[in-house]
Amino acid sequence: MASYSGNLTQLSDFLGTADTISETEDAEFLSASEAVKKLEESWLNEMLAPELLSPQTELVDCLLEQTKNMEENLMAISKSDFRFALHRMEVERIRYIVTSYLRIRLEKIEKFLCYLLNNENKRQRNEPSLLTEDELKFAQELSSNTESHLKTLGLRHMPTNMRDINTQKFMIAPNRDSYVFARVKDDAPSVLVSDGTSEGEMEVELLKNSQHLLPYRSIASLVQNNVVNLM
């Protein structure tokens, strides 16, 4: 579990400018403010990407733990102190981002349920999953409950040869060819995109801080690797 320490004596302490959060087992350390910024980027990417992105489990768990600690520290400050309102607003802002991020992921899981479960079944053991353990459990239970509901509601009243459910027929897949606005965080390899003709392609240079309107498919891996942010 990532850790954060510090007394809530001023806003800079609250944001953790001096304290650090250990985000991964690779000993990547982030200040609390950097962790919040990274979650904001992940939140916007998840909101704007047409597909489900890799989960930020450790970051979410860490910030949830920190908001709990922050609320405990708030008890040491008088409600008449102007810092109380500032710290309270920051706690609520972080909680809103975390909640919205998780809700967006659940909405995508519901929308692309069969597609995600199908990919999960095909996934190699050494490949990372796009679903957390809780999300996978949610998806499996939703699929099972939906199938049971359909069978109880209508399929059992149909002829035997029409009772099978072929999920492939109504599987919804993400539209990876949809266009997205993107900002390049660091210099990245150029990508090829269609120039609007049947055969032509043009090369787009992805320079640091440049902004582009591109097919999501062309930058999907860069979004997953946090090289490009959606906007």
C-alpha atoms as a PDB file:
ATOM      1  CA  MET A   1       0.000   0.000   0.000  1.00  0.00           C
ATOM      2  CA  ALA A   2       1.302   3.411  -0.881  1.00  0.00           C
ATOM      3  CA  SER A   3       1.975   5.710   2.005  1.00  0.00           C
ATOM      4  CA  TYR A   4       1.768   9.414   2.748  1.00  0.00           C
ATOM      5  CA  SER A   5       2.736  11.236   5.885  1.00  0.00           C
ATOM      6  CA  GLY A   6       2.400  14.806   7.051  1.00  0.00           C
ATOM      7  CA  ASN A   7       0.374  16.992   9.360  1.00  0.00           C
ATOM      8  CA  LEU A   8      -2.426  19.064   7.952  1.00  0.00           C
ATOM      9  CA  THR A   9      -1.040  22.425   9.013  1.00  0.00           C
ATOM     10  CA  GLN A  10      -1.056  24.294   5.721  1.00  0.00           C
ATOM     11  CA  LEU A  11      -2.287  23.781   2.186  1.00  0.00           C
ATOM     12  CA  SER A  12       1.157  22.765   0.902  1.00  0.00           C
ATOM     13  CA  ASP A  13       1.243  19.984   3.509  1.00  0.00           C
ATOM     14  CA  PHE A  14      -2.215  18.900   2.440  1.00  0.00           C
ATOM     15  CA  LEU A  15      -1.162  18.657  -1.194  1.00  0.00           C
ATOM     16  CA  GLY A  16       1.967  16.769  -0.203  1.00  0.00           C
ATOM     17  CA  THR A  17       4.582  18.888  -1.935  1.00  0.00           C
ATOM     18  CA  ALA A  18       7.288  17.505   0.309  1.00  0.00           C
ATOM     19  CA  ASP A  19       5.898  14.073   1.113  1.00  0.00           C
ATOM     20  CA  THR A  20       5.873  11.194  -1.313  1.00  0.00           C
ATOM     21  CA  ILE A  21       3.605   8.387  -2.365  1.00  0.00           C
ATOM     22  CA  SER A  22       5.083   5.076  -3.465  1.00  0.00           C
ATOM     23  CA  GLU A  23       2.932   4.175  -6.434  1.00  0.00           C
ATOM     24  CA  THR A  24       4.378   0.911  -7.715  1.00  0.00           C
ATOM     25  CA  GLU A  25       6.619  -1.948  -6.748  1.00  0.00           C
ATOM     26  CA  ASP A  26       9.264  -0.417  -9.031  1.00  0.00           C
ATOM     27  CA  ALA A  27       9.763   2.296  -6.393  1.00  0.00           C
ATOM     28  CA  GLU A  28       8.253   5.114  -8.418  1.00  0.00           C
ATOM     29  CA  PHE A  29       7.591   7.891  -5.936  1.00  0.00           C
ATOM     30  CA  LEU A  30       5.101  10.688  -6.460  1.00  0.00           C
ATOM     31  CA  SER A  31       4.169  13.601  -4.276  1.00  0.00           C
ATOM     32  CA  ALA A  32       0.506  13.711  -3.316  1.00  0.00           C
ATOM     33  CA  SER A  33      -0.110  16.589  -5.731  1.00  0.00           C
ATOM     34  CA  GLU A  34       1.619  14.648  -8.534  1.00  0.00           C
ATOM     35  CA  ALA A  35      -0.513  11.599  -7.750  1.00  0.00           C
ATOM     36  CA  VAL A  36      -3.692  13.687  -7.980  1.00  0.00           C
ATOM     37  CA  LYS A  37      -2.515  15.178 -11.285  1.00  0.00           C
ATOM     38  CA  LYS A  38      -1.774  11.718 -12.659  1.00  0.00           C
ATOM     39  CA  LEU A  39      -5.215  10.491 -11.647  1.00  0.00           C
ATOM     40  CA  GLU A  40      -6.796  13.535 -13.329  1.00  0.00           C
ATOM     41  CA  GLU A  41      -4.989  12.603 -16.555  1.00  0.00           C
ATOM     42  CA  SER A  42      -6.129   8.979 -16.251  1.00  0.00           C
ATOM     43  CA  TRP A  43      -9.677  10.156 -15.542  1.00  0.00           C
ATOM     44  CA  LEU A  44      -9.805  12.343 -18.676  1.00  0.00           C
ATOM     45  CA  ASN A  45      -8.189   9.647 -20.819  1.00  0.00           C
ATOM     46  CA  GLU A  46     -10.719   7.086 -19.594  1.00  0.00           C
ATOM     47  CA  MET A  47     -13.572   9.508 -20.193  1.00  0.00           C
ATOM     48  CA  LEU A  48     -12.510  10.369 -23.756  1.00  0.00           C
ATOM     49  CA  ALA A  49     -11.094   7.062 -25.001  1.00  0.00           C
ATOM     50  CA  PRO A  50     -13.543   4.869 -26.942  1.00  0.00           C
ATOM     51  CA  GLU A  51     -12.227   1.719 -25.242  1.00  0.00           C
ATOM     52  CA  LEU A  52     -11.474   0.595 -21.696  1.00  0.00           C
ATOM     53  CA  LEU A  53      -7.949   1.560 -20.640  1.00  0.00           C
ATOM     54  CA  SER A  54      -5.579  -0.124 -18.219  1.00  0.00           C
ATOM     55  CA  PRO A  55      -6.766   0.311 -14.613  1.00  0.00           C
ATOM     56  CA  GLN A  56      -4.943   2.636 -12.223  1.00  0.00           C
ATOM     57  CA  THR A  57      -5.661   0.416  -9.240  1.00  0.00           C
ATOM     58  CA  GLU A  58      -2.748   1.322  -6.988  1.00  0.00           C
ATOM     59  CA  LEU A  59      -3.159   5.033  -7.632  1.00  0.00           C
ATOM     60  CA  VAL A  60      -6.883   4.913  -6.837  1.00  0.00           C
ATOM     61  CA  ASP A  61      -6.370   2.836  -3.688  1.00  0.00           C
ATOM     62  CA  CYS A  62      -3.617   5.170  -2.568  1.00  0.00           C
ATOM     63  CA  LEU A  63      -5.664   8.345  -2.993  1.00  0.00           C
ATOM     64  CA  LEU A  64      -8.699   6.810  -1.309  1.00  0.00           C
ATOM     65  CA  GLU A  65      -6.492   6.006   1.660  1.00  0.00           C
ATOM     66  CA  GLN A  66      -5.116   9.539   1.663  1.00  0.00           C
ATOM     67  CA  THR A  67      -8.556  11.161   1.588  1.00  0.00           C
ATOM     68  CA  LYS A  68      -9.429   9.070   4.628  1.00  0.00           C
ATOM     69  CA  ASN A  69      -6.300  10.304   6.408  1.00  0.00           C
ATOM     70  CA  MET A  70      -7.003  13.871   5.317  1.00  0.00           C
ATOM     71  CA  GLU A  71     -10.491  13.747   6.801  1.00  0.00           C
ATOM     72  CA  GLU A  72      -9.064  12.481  10.074  1.00  0.00           C
ATOM     73  CA  ASN A  73      -6.569  15.362  10.073  1.00  0.00           C
ATOM     74  CA  LEU A  74      -9.386  17.827   9.422  1.00  0.00           C
ATOM     75  CA  MET A  75     -10.765  17.011  12.845  1.00  0.00           C
ATOM     76  CA  ALA A  76      -7.732  18.758  14.339  1.00  0.00           C
ATOM     77  CA  ILE A  77      -8.640  22.047  12.640  1.00  0.00           C
ATOM     78  CA  SER A  78     -11.341  24.387  13.859  1.00  0.00           C
ATOM     79  CA  LYS A  79     -14.217  24.814  11.418  1.00  0.00           C
ATOM     80  CA  SER A  80     -13.811  28.570  11.780  1.00  0.00           C
ATOM     81  CA  ASP A  81     -10.256  28.307  10.420  1.00  0.00           C
ATOM     82  CA  PHE A  82     -10.179  29.291   6.724  1.00  0.00           C
ATOM     83  CA  ARG A  83      -7.891  26.316   6.051  1.00  0.00           C
ATOM     84  CA  PHE A  84     -10.715  23.945   6.965  1.00  0.00           C
ATOM     85  CA  ALA A  85     -12.837  25.005   3.977  1.00  0.00           C
ATOM     86  CA  LEU A  86      -9.859  24.801   1.605  1.00  0.00           C
ATOM     87  CA  HIS A  87      -8.878  21.338   2.761  1.00  0.00           C
ATOM     88  CA  ARG A  88     -12.477  20.122   2.731  1.00  0.00           C
ATOM     89  CA  MET A  89     -12.937  21.279  -0.878  1.00  0.00           C
ATOM     90  CA  GLU A  90      -9.750  19.483  -1.907  1.00  0.00           C
ATOM     91  CA  VAL A  91     -10.893  16.254  -0.246  1.00  0.00           C
ATOM     92  CA  GLU A  92     -14.246  16.466  -2.041  1.00  0.00           C
ATOM     93  CA  ARG A  93     -12.540  17.227  -5.358  1.00  0.00           C
ATOM     94  CA  ILE A  94     -10.300  14.164  -5.096  1.00  0.00           C
ATOM     95  CA  ARG A  95     -13.222  11.976  -4.052  1.00  0.00           C
ATOM     96  CA  TYR A  96     -15.275  13.222  -7.018  1.00  0.00           C
ATOM     97  CA  ILE A  97     -12.483  12.420  -9.498  1.00  0.00           C
ATOM     98  CA  VAL A  98     -11.994   8.923  -8.067  1.00  0.00           C
ATOM     99  CA  THR A  99     -15.734   8.211  -8.051  1.00  0.00           C
ATOM    100  CA  SER A 100     -16.235   9.523 -11.586  1.00  0.00           C
ATOM    101  CA  TYR A 101     -13.233   7.540 -12.854  1.00  0.00           C
ATOM    102  CA  LEU A 102     -14.589   4.290 -11.412  1.00  0.00           C
ATOM    103  CA  ARG A 103     -18.118   5.010 -12.671  1.00  0.00           C
ATOM    104  CA  ILE A 104     -16.865   5.620 -16.221  1.00  0.00           C
ATOM    105  CA  ARG A 105     -15.044   2.294 -16.171  1.00  0.00           C
ATOM    106  CA  LEU A 106     -18.170   0.477 -14.978  1.00  0.00           C
ATOM    107  CA  GLU A 107     -20.241   2.105 -17.727  1.00  0.00           C
ATOM    108  CA  LYS A 108     -17.757   0.881 -20.336  1.00  0.00           C
ATOM    109  CA  ILE A 109     -17.787  -2.606 -18.844  1.00  0.00           C
ATOM    110  CA  GLU A 110     -21.577  -2.676 -19.088  1.00  0.00           C
ATOM    111  CA  LYS A 111     -21.495  -1.401 -22.677  1.00  0.00           C
ATOM    112  CA  PHE A 112     -18.725  -3.710 -23.929  1.00  0.00           C
ATOM    113  CA  LEU A 113     -19.528  -6.611 -21.592  1.00  0.00           C
ATOM    114  CA  CYS A 114     -19.389  -9.509 -24.058  1.00  0.00           C
ATOM    115  CA  TYR A 115     -16.407  -8.026 -25.894  1.00  0.00           C
ATOM    116  CA  LEU A 116     -14.366  -7.610 -22.703  1.00  0.00           C
ATOM    117  CA  LEU A 117     -15.210 -11.053 -21.331  1.00  0.00           C
ATOM    118  CA  ASN A 118     -14.402 -12.627 -24.687  1.00  0.00           C
ATOM    119  CA  ASN A 119     -10.992 -10.907 -24.718  1.00  0.00           C
ATOM    120  CA  GLU A 120     -10.420 -11.882 -21.097  1.00  0.00           C
ATOM    121  CA  ASN A 121     -10.990 -15.535 -21.956  1.00  0.00           C
ATOM    122  CA  LYS A 122      -8.479 -15.278 -24.821  1.00  0.00           C
ATOM    123  CA  ARG A 123      -5.884 -13.396 -22.778  1.00  0.00           C
ATOM    124  CA  GLN A 124      -2.574 -15.147 -22.204  1.00  0.00           C
ATOM    125  CA  ARG A 125      -1.514 -15.630 -18.601  1.00  0.00           C
ATOM    126  CA  ASN A 126       1.450 -13.256 -18.989  1.00  0.00           C
ATOM    127  CA  GLU A 127      -0.677 -10.505 -20.552  1.00  0.00           C
ATOM    128  CA  PRO A 128      -1.998  -7.729 -18.285  1.00  0.00           C
ATOM    129  CA  SER A 129      -5.750  -7.586 -17.882  1.00  0.00           C
ATOM    130  CA  LEU A 130      -7.817  -4.487 -18.582  1.00  0.00           C
ATOM    131  CA  LEU A 131     -10.083  -5.484 -15.699  1.00  0.00           C
ATOM    132  CA  THR A 132      -9.311  -5.458 -12.008  1.00  0.00           C
ATOM    133  CA  GLU A 133     -10.369  -8.476  -9.946  1.00  0.00           C
ATOM    134  CA  ASP A 134     -13.458  -6.624  -8.714  1.00  0.00           C
ATOM    135  CA  GLU A 135     -14.335  -5.435 -12.223  1.00  0.00           C
ATOM    136  CA  LEU A 136     -13.949  -8.944 -13.626  1.00  0.00           C
ATOM    137  CA  LYS A 137     -16.200 -10.322 -10.890  1.00  0.00           C
ATOM    138  CA  PHE A 138     -18.753  -7.592 -11.645  1.00  0.00           C
ATOM    139  CA  ALA A 139     -18.639  -8.359 -15.388  1.00  0.00           C
ATOM    140  CA  GLN A 140     -19.032 -12.109 -14.879  1.00  0.00           C
ATOM    141  CA  GLU A 141     -21.943 -11.673 -12.476  1.00  0.00           C
ATOM    142  CA  LEU A 142     -23.620  -9.164 -14.791  1.00  0.00           C
ATOM    143  CA  SER A 143     -23.267 -11.539 -17.740  1.00  0.00           C
ATOM    144  CA  SER A 144     -24.607 -14.477 -15.731  1.00  0.00           C
ATOM    145  CA  ASN A 145     -27.535 -12.497 -14.316  1.00  0.00           C
ATOM    146  CA  THR A 146     -28.426 -11.063 -17.732  1.00  0.00           C
ATOM    147  CA  GLU A 147     -28.420 -14.515 -19.310  1.00  0.00           C
ATOM    148  CA  SER A 148     -30.535 -15.943 -16.477  1.00  0.00           C
ATOM    149  CA  HIS A 149     -32.981 -13.058 -16.798  1.00  0.00           C
ATOM    150  CA  LEU A 150     -33.357 -13.574 -20.553  1.00  0.00           C
ATOM    151  CA  LYS A 151     -33.924 -17.292 -20.120  1.00  0.00           C
ATOM    152  CA  THR A 152     -36.490 -16.794 -17.375  1.00  0.00           C
ATOM    153  CA  LEU A 153     -38.281 -13.949 -19.117  1.00  0.00           C
ATOM    154  CA  GLY A 154     -38.557 -15.263 -22.640  1.00  0.00           C
ATOM    155  CA  LEU A 155     -36.255 -18.002 -23.882  1.00  0.00           C
ATOM    156  CA  ARG A 156     -37.896 -20.779 -21.875  1.00  0.00           C
ATOM    157  CA  HIS A 157     -41.152 -20.029 -23.690  1.00  0.00           C
ATOM    158  CA  MET A 158     -39.544 -20.436 -27.116  1.00  0.00           C
ATOM    159  CA  PRO A 159     -38.951 -23.595 -29.151  1.00  0.00           C
ATOM    160  CA  THR A 160     -35.947 -25.645 -28.032  1.00  0.00           C
ATOM    161  CA  ASN A 161     -33.923 -24.835 -31.146  1.00  0.00           C
ATOM    162  CA  MET A 162     -34.229 -21.094 -30.416  1.00  0.00           C
ATOM    163  CA  ARG A 163     -33.167 -21.071 -26.774  1.00  0.00           C
ATOM    164  CA  ASP A 164     -29.420 -20.766 -27.255  1.00  0.00           C
ATOM    165  CA  ILE A 165     -27.888 -17.316 -26.749  1.00  0.00           C
ATOM    166  CA  ASN A 166     -25.195 -16.424 -29.273  1.00  0.00           C
ATOM    167  CA  THR A 167     -23.376 -13.509 -27.648  1.00  0.00           C
ATOM    168  CA  GLN A 168     -21.287 -12.955 -30.788  1.00  0.00           C
ATOM    169  CA  LYS A 169     -24.359 -11.638 -32.601  1.00  0.00           C
ATOM    170  CA  PHE A 170     -24.985  -8.747 -30.224  1.00  0.00           C
ATOM    171  CA  MET A 171     -21.422  -8.089 -29.078  1.00  0.00           C
ATOM    172  CA  ILE A 172     -20.574  -4.374 -29.047  1.00  0.00           C
ATOM    173  CA  ALA A 173     -16.922  -3.538 -29.697  1.00  0.00           C
ATOM    174  CA  PRO A 174     -15.252  -0.151 -29.114  1.00  0.00           C
ATOM    175  CA  ASN A 175     -14.920   2.044 -32.190  1.00  0.00           C
ATOM    176  CA  ARG A 176     -11.157   2.441 -32.306  1.00  0.00           C
ATOM    177  CA  ASP A 177     -11.422   4.363 -35.587  1.00  0.00           C
ATOM    178  CA  SER A 178     -13.238   7.286 -33.968  1.00  0.00           C
ATOM    179  CA  TYR A 179     -11.355  10.587 -33.906  1.00  0.00           C
ATOM    180  CA  VAL A 180     -10.019  12.082 -30.682  1.00  0.00           C
ATOM    181  CA  PHE A 181      -8.193  15.261 -29.685  1.00  0.00           C
ATOM    182  CA  ALA A 182      -4.785  14.506 -28.227  1.00  0.00           C
ATOM    183  CA  ARG A 183      -1.894  16.382 -26.652  1.00  0.00           C
ATOM    184  CA  VAL A 184       1.601  14.901 -26.768  1.00  0.00           C
ATOM    185  CA  LYS A 185       3.362  14.884 -23.374  1.00  0.00           C
ATOM    186  CA  ASP A 186       6.789  13.881 -24.700  1.00  0.00           C
ATOM    187  CA  ASP A 187       8.253  13.458 -28.166  1.00  0.00           C
ATOM    188  CA  ALA A 188       6.848  10.261 -29.641  1.00  0.00           C
ATOM    189  CA  PRO A 189       7.285   8.282 -32.872  1.00  0.00           C
ATOM    190  CA  SER A 190       5.373   9.583 -35.872  1.00  0.00           C
ATOM    191  CA  VAL A 191       2.130   7.848 -36.816  1.00  0.00           C
ATOM    192  CA  LEU A 192       0.526   7.173 -40.182  1.00  0.00           C
ATOM    193  CA  VAL A 193      -3.080   8.213 -40.726  1.00  0.00           C
ATOM    194  CA  SER A 194      -5.329   8.178 -43.760  1.00  0.00           C
ATOM    195  CA  ASP A 195      -5.228  11.350 -45.852  1.00  0.00           C
ATOM    196  CA  GLY A 196      -8.849  10.901 -46.891  1.00  0.00           C
ATOM    197  CA  THR A 197      -8.195   9.003 -50.103  1.00  0.00           C
ATOM    198  CA  SER A 198      -8.683   5.299 -50.659  1.00  0.00           C
ATOM    199  CA  GLU A 199      -4.984   4.474 -50.585  1.00  0.00           C
ATOM    200  CA  GLY A 200      -3.082   7.500 -49.332  1.00  0.00           C
ATOM    201  CA  GLU A 201      -1.562   7.917 -45.886  1.00  0.00           C
ATOM    202  CA  MET A 202       0.232  10.831 -44.315  1.00  0.00           C
ATOM    203  CA  GLU A 203       2.802  10.929 -41.549  1.00  0.00           C
ATOM    204  CA  VAL A 204       1.990  12.967 -38.447  1.00  0.00           C
ATOM    205  CA  GLU A 205       4.872  14.044 -36.236  1.00  0.00           C
ATOM    206  CA  LEU A 206       4.107  13.821 -32.527  1.00  0.00           C
ATOM    207  CA  LEU A 207       6.232  16.548 -30.983  1.00  0.00           C
ATOM    208  CA  LYS A 208       6.123  17.465 -27.309  1.00  0.00           C
ATOM    209  CA  ASN A 209       3.138  19.700 -26.398  1.00  0.00           C
ATOM    210  CA  SER A 210       1.693  19.466 -29.922  1.00  0.00           C
ATOM    211  CA  GLN A 211      -2.053  18.908 -30.288  1.00  0.00           C
ATOM    212  CA  HIS A 212      -3.761  16.779 -32.916  1.00  0.00           C
ATOM    213  CA  LEU A 213      -7.095  15.415 -34.095  1.00  0.00           C
ATOM    214  CA  LEU A 214      -6.366  11.779 -34.951  1.00  0.00           C
ATOM    215  CA  PRO A 215      -8.033   8.374 -35.245  1.00  0.00           C
ATOM    216  CA  TYR A 216      -7.814   6.776 -31.822  1.00  0.00           C
ATOM    217  CA  ARG A 217      -6.403   3.570 -33.318  1.00  0.00           C
ATOM    218  CA  SER A 218      -3.234   5.387 -34.447  1.00  0.00           C
ATOM    219  CA  ILE A 219      -2.343   6.540 -30.916  1.00  0.00           C
ATOM    220  CA  ALA A 220      -4.020   3.869 -28.764  1.00  0.00           C
ATOM    221  CA  SER A 221      -0.739   2.382 -27.542  1.00  0.00           C
ATOM    222  CA  LEU A 222       0.625   5.856 -26.761  1.00  0.00           C
ATOM    223  CA  VAL A 223      -2.438   6.652 -24.666  1.00  0.00           C
ATOM    224  CA  GLN A 224      -2.088   3.354 -22.809  1.00  0.00           C
ATOM    225  CA  ASN A 225       1.595   4.142 -22.139  1.00  0.00           C
ATOM    226  CA  ASN A 226       0.798   7.662 -20.900  1.00  0.00           C
ATOM    227  CA  VAL A 227       2.808   9.335 -23.674  1.00  0.00           C
ATOM    228  CA  VAL A 228      -0.257  11.062 -25.140  1.00  0.00           C
ATOM    229  CA  ASN A 229      -3.176  12.562 -23.229  1.00  0.00           C
ATOM    230  CA  LEU A 230      -6.674  12.917 -24.627  1.00  0.00           C
ATOM    231  CA  MET A 231      -8.395  16.267 -24.342  1.00  0.00           C
END
